[in-house]
Amino acid sequence: MPNATVFDVAERAGVSIKTVSRVVNSEPHVRPSTKERVDLAIAELDYRPDEAARKLASHRSQRRL
């Protein structure tokens, strides 16, 4: 089975991908019941954020001179 994506987690939990992002990044303003649903979907799908994608999104992949 291919790796689960944030889209898969969002669909399973019945939330938006932004809500999944908020839960994964421990951001505030997520209801406890929503966090629980997202955490359950993450566990069921064995979701792990892609570190290479996270680095690209945050521009940490570029070497400093």
PDB file of N, CA and C in Angstrom:
ATOM      1  N   MET A   1       0.835  -1.182   0.000  1.00  0.00           N
ATOM      2  CA  MET A   1       0.000   0.000   0.000  1.00  0.00           C
ATOM      3  C   MET A   1       0.883   1.249   0.000  1.00  0.00           C
ATOM      4  N   PRO A   2       0.563   2.234  -0.858  1.00  0.00           N
ATOM      5  CA  PRO A   2       1.380   3.454  -0.875  1.00  0.00           C
ATOM      6  C   PRO A   2       1.227   4.241   0.424  1.00  0.00           C
ATOM      7  N   ASN A   3       2.178   5.109   0.658  1.00  0.00           N
ATOM      8  CA  ASN A   3       2.148   5.927   1.877  1.00  0.00           C
ATOM      9  C   ASN A   3       0.895   6.801   1.892  1.00  0.00           C
ATOM     10  N   ALA A   4       0.314   6.954   3.063  1.00  0.00           N
ATOM     11  CA  ALA A   4      -0.854   7.816   3.230  1.00  0.00           C
ATOM     12  C   ALA A   4      -0.431   9.270   3.087  1.00  0.00           C
ATOM     13  N   THR A   5      -1.336  10.076   2.552  1.00  0.00           N
ATOM     14  CA  THR A   5      -1.070  11.494   2.382  1.00  0.00           C
ATOM     15  C   THR A   5      -1.964  12.298   3.315  1.00  0.00           C
ATOM     16  N   VAL A   6      -1.695  13.572   3.410  1.00  0.00           N
ATOM     17  CA  VAL A   6      -2.517  14.469   4.216  1.00  0.00           C
ATOM     18  C   VAL A   6      -3.950  14.466   3.686  1.00  0.00           C
ATOM     19  N   PHE A   7      -4.109  14.270   2.384  1.00  0.00           N
ATOM     20  CA  PHE A   7      -5.439  14.205   1.781  1.00  0.00           C
ATOM     21  C   PHE A   7      -6.196  12.975   2.272  1.00  0.00           C
ATOM     22  N   ASP A   8      -5.489  11.848   2.388  1.00  0.00           N
ATOM     23  CA  ASP A   8      -6.101  10.616   2.893  1.00  0.00           C
ATOM     24  C   ASP A   8      -6.558  10.787   4.341  1.00  0.00           C
ATOM     25  N   VAL A   9      -5.711  11.410   5.148  1.00  0.00           N
ATOM     26  CA  VAL A   9      -6.044  11.637   6.554  1.00  0.00           C
ATOM     27  C   VAL A   9      -7.256  12.557   6.664  1.00  0.00           C
ATOM     28  N   ALA A  10      -7.265  13.630   5.886  1.00  0.00           N
ATOM     29  CA  ALA A  10      -8.382  14.577   5.920  1.00  0.00           C
ATOM     30  C   ALA A  10      -9.688  13.883   5.538  1.00  0.00           C
ATOM     31  N   GLU A  11      -9.645  13.076   4.506  1.00  0.00           N
ATOM     32  CA  GLU A  11     -10.851  12.366   4.072  1.00  0.00           C
ATOM     33  C   GLU A  11     -11.329  11.399   5.143  1.00  0.00           C
ATOM     34  N   ARG A  12     -10.429  10.643   5.716  1.00  0.00           N
ATOM     35  CA  ARG A  12     -10.785   9.661   6.745  1.00  0.00           C
ATOM     36  C   ARG A  12     -11.372  10.352   7.970  1.00  0.00           C
ATOM     37  N   ALA A  13     -10.811  11.495   8.359  1.00  0.00           N
ATOM     38  CA  ALA A  13     -11.275  12.208   9.554  1.00  0.00           C
ATOM     39  C   ALA A  13     -12.468  13.114   9.280  1.00  0.00           C
ATOM     40  N   GLY A  14     -12.741  13.378   7.999  1.00  0.00           N
ATOM     41  CA  GLY A  14     -13.848  14.254   7.648  1.00  0.00           C
ATOM     42  C   GLY A  14     -13.562  15.721   7.926  1.00  0.00           C
ATOM     43  N   VAL A  15     -12.310  16.114   7.698  1.00  0.00           N
ATOM     44  CA  VAL A  15     -11.893  17.499   7.944  1.00  0.00           C
ATOM     45  C   VAL A  15     -11.112  17.998   6.732  1.00  0.00           C
ATOM     46  N   SER A  16     -10.724  19.269   6.776  1.00  0.00           N
ATOM     47  CA  SER A  16      -9.915  19.836   5.695  1.00  0.00           C
ATOM     48  C   SER A  16      -8.446  19.482   5.894  1.00  0.00           C
ATOM     49  N   ILE A  17      -7.665  19.654   4.820  1.00  0.00           N
ATOM     50  CA  ILE A  17      -6.229  19.385   4.956  1.00  0.00           C
ATOM     51  C   ILE A  17      -5.579  20.406   5.882  1.00  0.00           C
ATOM     52  N   LYS A  18      -6.128  21.615   5.940  1.00  0.00           N
ATOM     53  CA  LYS A  18      -5.592  22.628   6.862  1.00  0.00           C
ATOM     54  C   LYS A  18      -5.775  22.181   8.309  1.00  0.00           C
ATOM     55  N   THR A  19      -6.914  21.551   8.608  1.00  0.00           N
ATOM     56  CA  THR A  19      -7.135  21.054   9.967  1.00  0.00           C
ATOM     57  C   THR A  19      -6.133  19.961  10.294  1.00  0.00           C
ATOM     58  N   VAL A  20      -5.865  19.077   9.343  1.00  0.00           N
ATOM     59  CA  VAL A  20      -4.851  18.033   9.560  1.00  0.00           C
ATOM     60  C   VAL A  20      -3.507  18.697   9.823  1.00  0.00           C
ATOM     61  N   SER A  21      -3.177  19.706   9.044  1.00  0.00           N
ATOM     62  CA  SER A  21      -1.921  20.435   9.224  1.00  0.00           C
ATOM     63  C   SER A  21      -1.843  21.053  10.611  1.00  0.00           C
ATOM     64  N   ARG A  22      -2.946  21.649  11.064  1.00  0.00           N
ATOM     65  CA  ARG A  22      -2.958  22.250  12.398  1.00  0.00           C
ATOM     66  C   ARG A  22      -2.697  21.211  13.480  1.00  0.00           C
ATOM     67  N   VAL A  23      -3.288  20.040  13.335  1.00  0.00           N
ATOM     68  CA  VAL A  23      -3.096  18.984  14.330  1.00  0.00           C
ATOM     69  C   VAL A  23      -1.651  18.489  14.299  1.00  0.00           C
ATOM     70  N   VAL A  24      -1.134  18.223  13.101  1.00  0.00           N
ATOM     71  CA  VAL A  24       0.234  17.703  12.962  1.00  0.00           C
ATOM     72  C   VAL A  24       1.254  18.690  13.519  1.00  0.00           C
ATOM     73  N   ASN A  25       1.001  19.987  13.323  1.00  0.00           N
ATOM     74  CA  ASN A  25       1.941  21.013  13.775  1.00  0.00           C
ATOM     75  C   ASN A  25       1.609  21.572  15.154  1.00  0.00           C
ATOM     76  N   SER A  26       0.683  20.934  15.857  1.00  0.00           N
ATOM     77  CA  SER A  26       0.287  21.326  17.218  1.00  0.00           C
ATOM     78  C   SER A  26      -0.116  22.795  17.310  1.00  0.00           C
ATOM     79  N   GLU A  27      -0.817  23.269  16.295  1.00  0.00           N
ATOM     80  CA  GLU A  27      -1.298  24.651  16.315  1.00  0.00           C
ATOM     81  C   GLU A  27      -2.554  24.747  17.187  1.00  0.00           C
ATOM     82  N   PRO A  28      -2.824  25.930  17.709  1.00  0.00           N
ATOM     83  CA  PRO A  28      -4.013  26.112  18.548  1.00  0.00           C
ATOM     84  C   PRO A  28      -5.290  26.160  17.715  1.00  0.00           C
ATOM     85  N   HIS A  29      -6.386  26.295  18.403  1.00  0.00           N
ATOM     86  CA  HIS A  29      -7.706  26.471  17.790  1.00  0.00           C
ATOM     87  C   HIS A  29      -8.213  25.229  17.067  1.00  0.00           C
ATOM     88  N   VAL A  30      -7.923  24.058  17.613  1.00  0.00           N
ATOM     89  CA  VAL A  30      -8.499  22.817  17.103  1.00  0.00           C
ATOM     90  C   VAL A  30      -9.271  22.193  18.255  1.00  0.00           C
ATOM     91  N   ARG A  31     -10.541  21.934  18.024  1.00  0.00           N
ATOM     92  CA  ARG A  31     -11.359  21.325  19.066  1.00  0.00           C
ATOM     93  C   ARG A  31     -10.779  19.967  19.463  1.00  0.00           C
ATOM     94  N   PRO A  32     -10.851  19.641  20.735  1.00  0.00           N
ATOM     95  CA  PRO A  32     -10.341  18.339  21.189  1.00  0.00           C
ATOM     96  C   PRO A  32     -10.981  17.158  20.446  1.00  0.00           C
ATOM     97  N   SER A  33     -12.275  17.242  20.159  1.00  0.00           N
ATOM     98  CA  SER A  33     -12.934  16.137  19.451  1.00  0.00           C
ATOM     99  C   SER A  33     -12.414  16.017  18.013  1.00  0.00           C
ATOM    100  N   THR A  34     -12.099  17.143  17.389  1.00  0.00           N
ATOM    101  CA  THR A  34     -11.549  17.122  16.034  1.00  0.00           C
ATOM    102  C   THR A  34     -10.135  16.574  16.051  1.00  0.00           C
ATOM    103  N   LYS A  35      -9.342  17.020  17.033  1.00  0.00           N
ATOM    104  CA  LYS A  35      -7.968  16.511  17.166  1.00  0.00           C
ATOM    105  C   LYS A  35      -7.982  15.004  17.362  1.00  0.00           C
ATOM    106  N   GLU A  36      -8.918  14.530  18.142  1.00  0.00           N
ATOM    107  CA  GLU A  36      -9.021  13.086  18.391  1.00  0.00           C
ATOM    108  C   GLU A  36      -9.335  12.335  17.091  1.00  0.00           C
ATOM    109  N   ARG A  37     -10.260  12.869  16.274  1.00  0.00           N
ATOM    110  CA  ARG A  37     -10.601  12.220  15.000  1.00  0.00           C
ATOM    111  C   ARG A  37      -9.397  12.197  14.060  1.00  0.00           C
ATOM    112  N   VAL A  38      -8.675  13.310  13.995  1.00  0.00           N
ATOM    113  CA  VAL A  38      -7.505  13.385  13.120  1.00  0.00           C
ATOM    114  C   VAL A  38      -6.408  12.441  13.623  1.00  0.00           C
ATOM    115  N   ASP A  39      -6.167  12.436  14.925  1.00  0.00           N
ATOM    116  CA  ASP A  39      -5.155  11.537  15.490  1.00  0.00           C
ATOM    117  C   ASP A  39      -5.500  10.073  15.209  1.00  0.00           C
ATOM    118  N   LEU A  40      -6.779   9.728  15.299  1.00  0.00           N
ATOM    119  CA  LEU A  40      -7.218   8.368  15.015  1.00  0.00           C
ATOM    120  C   LEU A  40      -6.971   8.024  13.549  1.00  0.00           C
ATOM    121  N   ALA A  41      -7.310   8.939  12.647  1.00  0.00           N
ATOM    122  CA  ALA A  41      -7.081   8.708  11.216  1.00  0.00           C
ATOM    123  C   ALA A  41      -5.589   8.566  10.920  1.00  0.00           C
ATOM    124  N   ILE A  42      -4.763   9.376  11.580  1.00  0.00           N
ATOM    125  CA  ILE A  42      -3.315   9.291  11.397  1.00  0.00           C
ATOM    126  C   ILE A  42      -2.818   7.914  11.821  1.00  0.00           C
ATOM    127  N   ALA A  43      -3.300   7.435  12.950  1.00  0.00           N
ATOM    128  CA  ALA A  43      -2.885   6.120  13.447  1.00  0.00           C
ATOM    129  C   ALA A  43      -3.382   4.999  12.527  1.00  0.00           C
ATOM    130  N   GLU A  44      -4.638   5.080  12.109  1.00  0.00           N
ATOM    131  CA  GLU A  44      -5.204   4.035  11.249  1.00  0.00           C
ATOM    132  C   GLU A  44      -4.475   3.937   9.918  1.00  0.00           C
ATOM    133  N   LEU A  45      -4.088   5.079   9.372  1.00  0.00           N
ATOM    134  CA  LEU A  45      -3.429   5.102   8.066  1.00  0.00           C
ATOM    135  C   LEU A  45      -1.908   5.016   8.165  1.00  0.00           C
ATOM    136  N   ASP A  46      -1.385   5.036   9.386  1.00  0.00           N
ATOM    137  CA  ASP A  46       0.060   5.048   9.619  1.00  0.00           C
ATOM    138  C   ASP A  46       0.708   6.212   8.863  1.00  0.00           C
ATOM    139  N   TYR A  47       0.072   7.381   8.971  1.00  0.00           N
ATOM    140  CA  TYR A  47       0.541   8.579   8.273  1.00  0.00           C
ATOM    141  C   TYR A  47       1.782   9.134   8.940  1.00  0.00           C
ATOM    142  N   ARG A  48       2.746   9.494   8.116  1.00  0.00           N
ATOM    143  CA  ARG A  48       3.947  10.180   8.578  1.00  0.00           C
ATOM    144  C   ARG A  48       4.230  11.318   7.609  1.00  0.00           C
ATOM    145  N   PRO A  49       4.382  12.539   8.129  1.00  0.00           N
ATOM    146  CA  PRO A  49       4.674  13.664   7.227  1.00  0.00           C
ATOM    147  C   PRO A  49       5.964  13.418   6.455  1.00  0.00           C
ATOM    148  N   ASP A  50       5.984  13.819   5.204  1.00  0.00           N
ATOM    149  CA  ASP A  50       7.145  13.673   4.335  1.00  0.00           C
ATOM    150  C   ASP A  50       8.146  14.769   4.689  1.00  0.00           C
ATOM    151  N   GLU A  51       9.277  14.377   5.248  1.00  0.00           N
ATOM    152  CA  GLU A  51      10.271  15.357   5.706  1.00  0.00           C
ATOM    153  C   GLU A  51      10.833  16.183   4.551  1.00  0.00           C
ATOM    154  N   ALA A  52      11.035  15.574   3.398  1.00  0.00           N
ATOM    155  CA  ALA A  52      11.560  16.327   2.257  1.00  0.00           C
ATOM    156  C   ALA A  52      10.569  17.411   1.845  1.00  0.00           C
ATOM    157  N   ALA A  53       9.292  17.076   1.835  1.00  0.00           N
ATOM    158  CA  ALA A  53       8.268  18.058   1.479  1.00  0.00           C
ATOM    159  C   ALA A  53       8.202  19.173   2.520  1.00  0.00           C
ATOM    160  N   ARG A  54       8.333  18.816   3.786  1.00  0.00           N
ATOM    161  CA  ARG A  54       8.303  19.834   4.844  1.00  0.00           C
ATOM    162  C   ARG A  54       9.477  20.804   4.699  1.00  0.00           C
ATOM    163  N   LYS A  55      10.638  20.279   4.368  1.00  0.00           N
ATOM    164  CA  LYS A  55      11.809  21.138   4.200  1.00  0.00           C
ATOM    165  C   LYS A  55      11.647  22.057   2.997  1.00  0.00           C
ATOM    166  N   LEU A  56      11.110  21.517   1.896  1.00  0.00           N
ATOM    167  CA  LEU A  56      10.875  22.353   0.724  1.00  0.00           C
ATOM    168  C   LEU A  56       9.879  23.456   1.033  1.00  0.00           C
ATOM    169  N   ALA A  57       8.824  23.126   1.750  1.00  0.00           N
ATOM    170  CA  ALA A  57       7.793  24.105   2.072  1.00  0.00           C
ATOM    171  C   ALA A  57       8.315  25.201   2.990  1.00  0.00           C
ATOM    172  N   SER A  58       9.275  24.867   3.830  1.00  0.00           N
ATOM    173  CA  SER A  58       9.797  25.859   4.765  1.00  0.00           C
ATOM    174  C   SER A  58      11.115  26.473   4.294  1.00  0.00           C
ATOM    175  N   HIS A  59      11.559  26.097   3.102  1.00  0.00           N
ATOM    176  CA  HIS A  59      12.789  26.621   2.508  1.00  0.00           C
ATOM    177  C   HIS A  59      14.035  26.258   3.309  1.00  0.00           C
ATOM    178  N   ARG A  60      13.957  25.189   4.099  1.00  0.00           N
ATOM    179  CA  ARG A  60      15.135  24.772   4.862  1.00  0.00           C
ATOM    180  C   ARG A  60      16.040  23.851   4.059  1.00  0.00           C
ATOM    181  N   SER A  61      15.641  23.514   2.829  1.00  0.00           N
ATOM    182  CA  SER A  61      16.448  22.596   2.028  1.00  0.00           C
ATOM    183  C   SER A  61      17.626  23.300   1.370  1.00  0.00           C
ATOM    184  N   GLN A  62      17.599  24.641   1.336  1.00  0.00           N
ATOM    185  CA  GLN A  62      18.664  25.398   0.686  1.00  0.00           C
ATOM    186  C   GLN A  62      19.860  25.510   1.628  1.00  0.00           C
ATOM    187  N   ARG A  63      21.015  25.310   1.069  1.00  0.00           N
ATOM    188  CA  ARG A  63      22.237  25.435   1.865  1.00  0.00           C
ATOM    189  C   ARG A  63      22.554  26.891   2.102  1.00  0.00           C
ATOM    190  N   ARG A  64      23.024  27.165   3.273  1.00  0.00           N
ATOM    191  CA  ARG A  64      23.448  28.539   3.617  1.00  0.00           C
ATOM    192  C   ARG A  64      24.924  28.686   3.276  1.00  0.00           C
ATOM    193  N   LEU A  65      25.266  29.803   2.678  1.00  0.00           N
ATOM    194  CA  LEU A  65      26.673  30.058   2.335  1.00  0.00           C
ATOM    195  C   LEU A  65      27.313  30.949   3.345  1.00  0.00           C
TER     196      LEU A  65
END
